[in-house]
Amino acid sequence: MANRVDDTPVWALTCLFVPREARGTGVARELVRGALGYARARGASCVEAYPVDDILGPVHSDHAYHGWVSLLLGFGFTEVARRTPKRPVLRRRI
């Protein structure tokens, strides 16, 4: 696959949909926590995510379904690549 960062086997966290009425209530944090637990329980050793960088400035909610850098950094994800200014590739070993 041409877009791989390297040969590390990863599980991918690609989308965090939270309905408008539930935003700001911690649902996204629970989705990440649940995804990490699910991956760990099934033998994953690394989870990769492709969030929007909200640290550089505001992110319109239409683009936030990939998750936010600030949210994932709080779960121990680190940046391993950046292909566009606002879209890093983050990873967390589990």
N, C-alpha and C. Protein backbone atom coordinates (compact mmCIF):
# COMPACT_ATOMS: atom_id res chain seq x y z
N MET A 1 0.84 -1.17 0.00
CA MET A 1 0.00 0.00 0.00
C MET A 1 0.89 1.24 0.00
N ALA A 2 0.71 2.15 -0.91
CA ALA A 2 1.59 3.30 -1.09
C ALA A 2 1.54 4.29 0.06
N ASN A 3 0.46 4.36 0.80
CA ASN A 3 0.33 5.37 1.84
C ASN A 3 0.77 4.90 3.22
N ARG A 4 1.27 3.71 3.34
CA ARG A 4 1.72 3.21 4.65
C ARG A 4 2.91 4.02 5.13
N VAL A 5 2.97 4.23 6.43
CA VAL A 5 4.10 4.93 7.02
C VAL A 5 5.33 4.02 7.02
N ASP A 6 5.12 2.76 7.38
CA ASP A 6 6.18 1.76 7.42
C ASP A 6 5.55 0.38 7.42
N ASP A 7 6.29 -0.62 7.81
CA ASP A 7 5.77 -2.00 7.78
C ASP A 7 5.13 -2.44 9.09
N THR A 8 4.96 -1.54 10.04
CA THR A 8 4.34 -1.89 11.31
C THR A 8 2.89 -2.30 11.08
N PRO A 9 2.48 -3.47 11.59
CA PRO A 9 1.07 -3.85 11.48
C PRO A 9 0.23 -2.98 12.42
N VAL A 10 -0.79 -2.35 11.88
CA VAL A 10 -1.63 -1.46 12.69
C VAL A 10 -3.10 -1.77 12.51
N TRP A 11 -3.85 -1.47 13.55
CA TRP A 11 -5.30 -1.37 13.46
C TRP A 11 -5.56 0.12 13.26
N ALA A 12 -6.62 0.47 12.53
CA ALA A 12 -6.88 1.87 12.21
C ALA A 12 -8.15 2.38 12.88
N LEU A 13 -8.03 3.52 13.51
CA LEU A 13 -9.16 4.25 14.08
C LEU A 13 -9.45 5.38 13.10
N THR A 14 -10.49 5.21 12.28
CA THR A 14 -10.69 6.13 11.16
C THR A 14 -11.82 7.12 11.34
N CYS A 15 -12.77 6.83 12.21
CA CYS A 15 -13.95 7.69 12.31
C CYS A 15 -14.51 7.67 13.72
N LEU A 16 -14.89 8.85 14.21
CA LEU A 16 -15.54 8.97 15.52
C LEU A 16 -16.79 9.82 15.32
N PHE A 17 -17.89 9.19 14.99
CA PHE A 17 -19.12 9.96 14.78
C PHE A 17 -19.85 10.14 16.09
N VAL A 18 -20.10 11.39 16.45
CA VAL A 18 -20.86 11.73 17.65
C VAL A 18 -22.00 12.64 17.21
N PRO A 19 -23.25 12.23 17.44
CA PRO A 19 -24.37 13.09 17.06
C PRO A 19 -24.26 14.47 17.72
N ARG A 20 -24.74 15.47 17.03
CA ARG A 20 -24.65 16.86 17.49
C ARG A 20 -25.11 17.02 18.94
N GLU A 21 -26.21 16.39 19.29
CA GLU A 21 -26.76 16.56 20.64
C GLU A 21 -25.90 15.92 21.73
N ALA A 22 -24.98 15.05 21.34
CA ALA A 22 -24.12 14.37 22.33
C ALA A 22 -22.70 14.95 22.37
N ARG A 23 -22.40 15.90 21.51
CA ARG A 23 -21.06 16.47 21.48
C ARG A 23 -20.76 17.25 22.75
N GLY A 24 -19.54 17.14 23.19
CA GLY A 24 -19.12 17.84 24.41
C GLY A 24 -19.47 17.10 25.68
N THR A 25 -19.92 15.85 25.56
CA THR A 25 -20.34 15.10 26.75
C THR A 25 -19.39 13.95 27.08
N GLY A 26 -18.29 13.83 26.34
CA GLY A 26 -17.33 12.76 26.61
C GLY A 26 -17.52 11.52 25.76
N VAL A 27 -18.45 11.55 24.82
CA VAL A 27 -18.71 10.38 23.98
C VAL A 27 -17.48 10.03 23.14
N ALA A 28 -16.82 11.01 22.55
CA ALA A 28 -15.65 10.73 21.72
C ALA A 28 -14.55 10.07 22.55
N ARG A 29 -14.34 10.53 23.78
CA ARG A 29 -13.33 9.89 24.64
C ARG A 29 -13.69 8.43 24.90
N GLU A 30 -14.96 8.15 25.13
CA GLU A 30 -15.38 6.77 25.38
C GLU A 30 -15.25 5.92 24.12
N LEU A 31 -15.49 6.50 22.94
CA LEU A 31 -15.29 5.76 21.70
C LEU A 31 -13.83 5.37 21.52
N VAL A 32 -12.92 6.29 21.81
CA VAL A 32 -11.49 5.99 21.70
C VAL A 32 -11.10 4.93 22.73
N ARG A 33 -11.55 5.11 23.96
CA ARG A 33 -11.25 4.14 25.01
C ARG A 33 -11.76 2.75 24.62
N GLY A 34 -12.96 2.68 24.11
CA GLY A 34 -13.55 1.41 23.69
C GLY A 34 -12.81 0.80 22.50
N ALA A 35 -12.42 1.62 21.54
CA ALA A 35 -11.69 1.11 20.38
C ALA A 35 -10.34 0.54 20.79
N LEU A 36 -9.65 1.22 21.69
CA LEU A 36 -8.36 0.72 22.16
C LEU A 36 -8.52 -0.59 22.92
N GLY A 37 -9.54 -0.68 23.75
CA GLY A 37 -9.80 -1.91 24.49
C GLY A 37 -10.16 -3.05 23.56
N TYR A 38 -10.98 -2.77 22.57
CA TYR A 38 -11.38 -3.79 21.59
C TYR A 38 -10.16 -4.31 20.84
N ALA A 39 -9.31 -3.38 20.37
CA ALA A 39 -8.12 -3.78 19.62
C ALA A 39 -7.18 -4.60 20.50
N ARG A 40 -6.98 -4.15 21.73
CA ARG A 40 -6.08 -4.86 22.66
C ARG A 40 -6.58 -6.28 22.91
N ALA A 41 -7.89 -6.41 23.15
CA ALA A 41 -8.47 -7.72 23.46
C ALA A 41 -8.37 -8.69 22.29
N ARG A 42 -8.20 -8.17 21.08
CA ARG A 42 -8.11 -9.02 19.90
C ARG A 42 -6.69 -9.13 19.36
N GLY A 43 -5.71 -8.74 20.19
CA GLY A 43 -4.32 -8.97 19.85
C GLY A 43 -3.59 -7.88 19.10
N ALA A 44 -4.21 -6.72 18.92
CA ALA A 44 -3.51 -5.63 18.23
C ALA A 44 -2.36 -5.14 19.10
N SER A 45 -1.29 -4.72 18.47
CA SER A 45 -0.18 -4.15 19.22
C SER A 45 0.01 -2.67 18.93
N CYS A 46 -0.66 -2.16 17.89
CA CYS A 46 -0.51 -0.76 17.53
C CYS A 46 -1.80 -0.28 16.86
N VAL A 47 -2.25 0.90 17.26
CA VAL A 47 -3.44 1.52 16.65
C VAL A 47 -3.00 2.83 16.01
N GLU A 48 -3.44 3.05 14.79
CA GLU A 48 -3.10 4.25 14.04
C GLU A 48 -4.37 5.06 13.83
N ALA A 49 -4.24 6.39 13.84
CA ALA A 49 -5.39 7.28 13.64
C ALA A 49 -4.99 8.41 12.71
N TYR A 50 -5.98 9.04 12.11
CA TYR A 50 -5.76 10.06 11.07
C TYR A 50 -6.61 11.31 11.38
N PRO A 51 -6.39 11.92 12.55
CA PRO A 51 -7.24 13.01 12.99
C PRO A 51 -6.95 14.33 12.28
N VAL A 52 -7.77 15.31 12.57
CA VAL A 52 -7.57 16.68 12.12
C VAL A 52 -6.83 17.41 13.24
N ASP A 53 -5.86 18.23 12.87
CA ASP A 53 -5.07 18.95 13.87
C ASP A 53 -5.82 20.17 14.38
N ASP A 54 -6.41 20.05 15.54
CA ASP A 54 -7.13 21.16 16.17
C ASP A 54 -6.20 22.04 16.99
N ILE A 55 -4.96 21.62 17.17
CA ILE A 55 -4.01 22.43 17.93
C ILE A 55 -3.56 23.62 17.10
N LEU A 56 -3.54 23.46 15.78
CA LEU A 56 -3.14 24.55 14.89
C LEU A 56 -4.23 25.61 14.73
N GLY A 57 -5.45 25.30 15.11
CA GLY A 57 -6.56 26.24 14.97
C GLY A 57 -7.88 25.51 14.99
N PRO A 58 -8.97 26.25 14.94
CA PRO A 58 -10.30 25.65 15.01
C PRO A 58 -10.56 24.68 13.85
N VAL A 59 -11.36 23.67 14.16
CA VAL A 59 -11.77 22.67 13.17
C VAL A 59 -13.29 22.70 13.09
N HIS A 60 -13.80 22.89 11.89
CA HIS A 60 -15.26 22.89 11.69
C HIS A 60 -15.78 21.48 11.98
N SER A 61 -16.93 21.39 12.60
CA SER A 61 -17.47 20.09 12.99
C SER A 61 -17.67 19.15 11.80
N ASP A 62 -17.82 19.69 10.59
CA ASP A 62 -17.95 18.83 9.40
C ASP A 62 -16.69 18.01 9.15
N HIS A 63 -15.56 18.43 9.70
CA HIS A 63 -14.28 17.74 9.47
C HIS A 63 -13.80 16.99 10.69
N ALA A 64 -14.53 17.06 11.78
CA ALA A 64 -14.05 16.50 13.05
C ALA A 64 -14.33 15.01 13.21
N TYR A 65 -15.02 14.39 12.29
CA TYR A 65 -15.36 12.97 12.46
C TYR A 65 -14.14 12.05 12.42
N HIS A 66 -13.00 12.56 12.00
CA HIS A 66 -11.77 11.78 12.04
C HIS A 66 -11.15 11.80 13.43
N GLY A 67 -11.68 12.63 14.29
CA GLY A 67 -11.10 12.83 15.61
C GLY A 67 -10.19 14.04 15.60
N TRP A 68 -9.74 14.43 16.79
CA TRP A 68 -8.87 15.59 16.93
C TRP A 68 -7.53 15.16 17.50
N VAL A 69 -6.51 15.83 17.09
CA VAL A 69 -5.18 15.56 17.61
C VAL A 69 -5.17 15.69 19.13
N SER A 70 -5.78 16.75 19.66
CA SER A 70 -5.75 16.97 21.12
C SER A 70 -6.39 15.81 21.88
N LEU A 71 -7.46 15.26 21.36
CA LEU A 71 -8.12 14.12 22.00
C LEU A 71 -7.20 12.90 22.02
N LEU A 72 -6.59 12.59 20.89
CA LEU A 72 -5.78 11.38 20.79
C LEU A 72 -4.44 11.51 21.52
N LEU A 73 -3.87 12.69 21.56
CA LEU A 73 -2.64 12.88 22.34
C LEU A 73 -2.90 12.55 23.81
N GLY A 74 -4.10 12.86 24.29
CA GLY A 74 -4.47 12.56 25.67
C GLY A 74 -4.55 11.07 25.96
N PHE A 75 -4.62 10.25 24.92
CA PHE A 75 -4.64 8.80 25.07
C PHE A 75 -3.27 8.18 24.77
N GLY A 76 -2.26 9.00 24.64
CA GLY A 76 -0.92 8.48 24.42
C GLY A 76 -0.52 8.26 22.98
N PHE A 77 -1.31 8.74 22.03
CA PHE A 77 -0.93 8.67 20.62
C PHE A 77 0.21 9.66 20.36
N THR A 78 1.08 9.33 19.42
CA THR A 78 2.15 10.23 19.01
C THR A 78 2.16 10.32 17.49
N GLU A 79 2.66 11.43 17.00
CA GLU A 79 2.71 11.65 15.55
C GLU A 79 3.85 10.85 14.94
N VAL A 80 3.55 10.14 13.86
CA VAL A 80 4.57 9.37 13.14
C VAL A 80 4.76 9.85 11.71
N ALA A 81 3.82 10.64 11.20
CA ALA A 81 3.92 11.20 9.85
C ALA A 81 2.92 12.34 9.73
N ARG A 82 3.16 13.20 8.74
CA ARG A 82 2.21 14.28 8.45
C ARG A 82 2.25 14.50 6.95
N ARG A 83 1.15 14.19 6.31
CA ARG A 83 1.12 14.27 4.84
C ARG A 83 0.52 15.58 4.35
N THR A 84 -0.28 16.23 5.18
CA THR A 84 -0.80 17.56 4.88
C THR A 84 -0.70 18.38 6.16
N PRO A 85 -0.75 19.70 6.09
CA PRO A 85 -0.57 20.52 7.29
C PRO A 85 -1.53 20.20 8.44
N LYS A 86 -2.77 19.85 8.14
CA LYS A 86 -3.75 19.63 9.20
C LYS A 86 -4.07 18.16 9.47
N ARG A 87 -3.40 17.21 8.79
CA ARG A 87 -3.75 15.79 8.92
C ARG A 87 -2.54 14.93 9.23
N PRO A 88 -2.18 14.82 10.50
CA PRO A 88 -1.08 13.93 10.87
C PRO A 88 -1.54 12.48 10.94
N VAL A 89 -0.58 11.59 10.96
CA VAL A 89 -0.82 10.18 11.24
C VAL A 89 -0.30 9.96 12.67
N LEU A 90 -1.18 9.48 13.55
CA LEU A 90 -0.81 9.24 14.93
C LEU A 90 -0.84 7.74 15.23
N ARG A 91 0.00 7.32 16.16
CA ARG A 91 -0.01 5.92 16.58
C ARG A 91 0.07 5.80 18.09
N ARG A 92 -0.46 4.67 18.55
CA ARG A 92 -0.33 4.32 19.95
C ARG A 92 -0.06 2.82 20.03
N ARG A 93 0.99 2.46 20.72
CA ARG A 93 1.28 1.05 20.99
C ARG A 93 0.41 0.60 22.16
N ILE A 94 -0.12 -0.61 22.04
CA ILE A 94 -0.96 -1.12 23.13
C ILE A 94 -0.49 -2.51 23.53
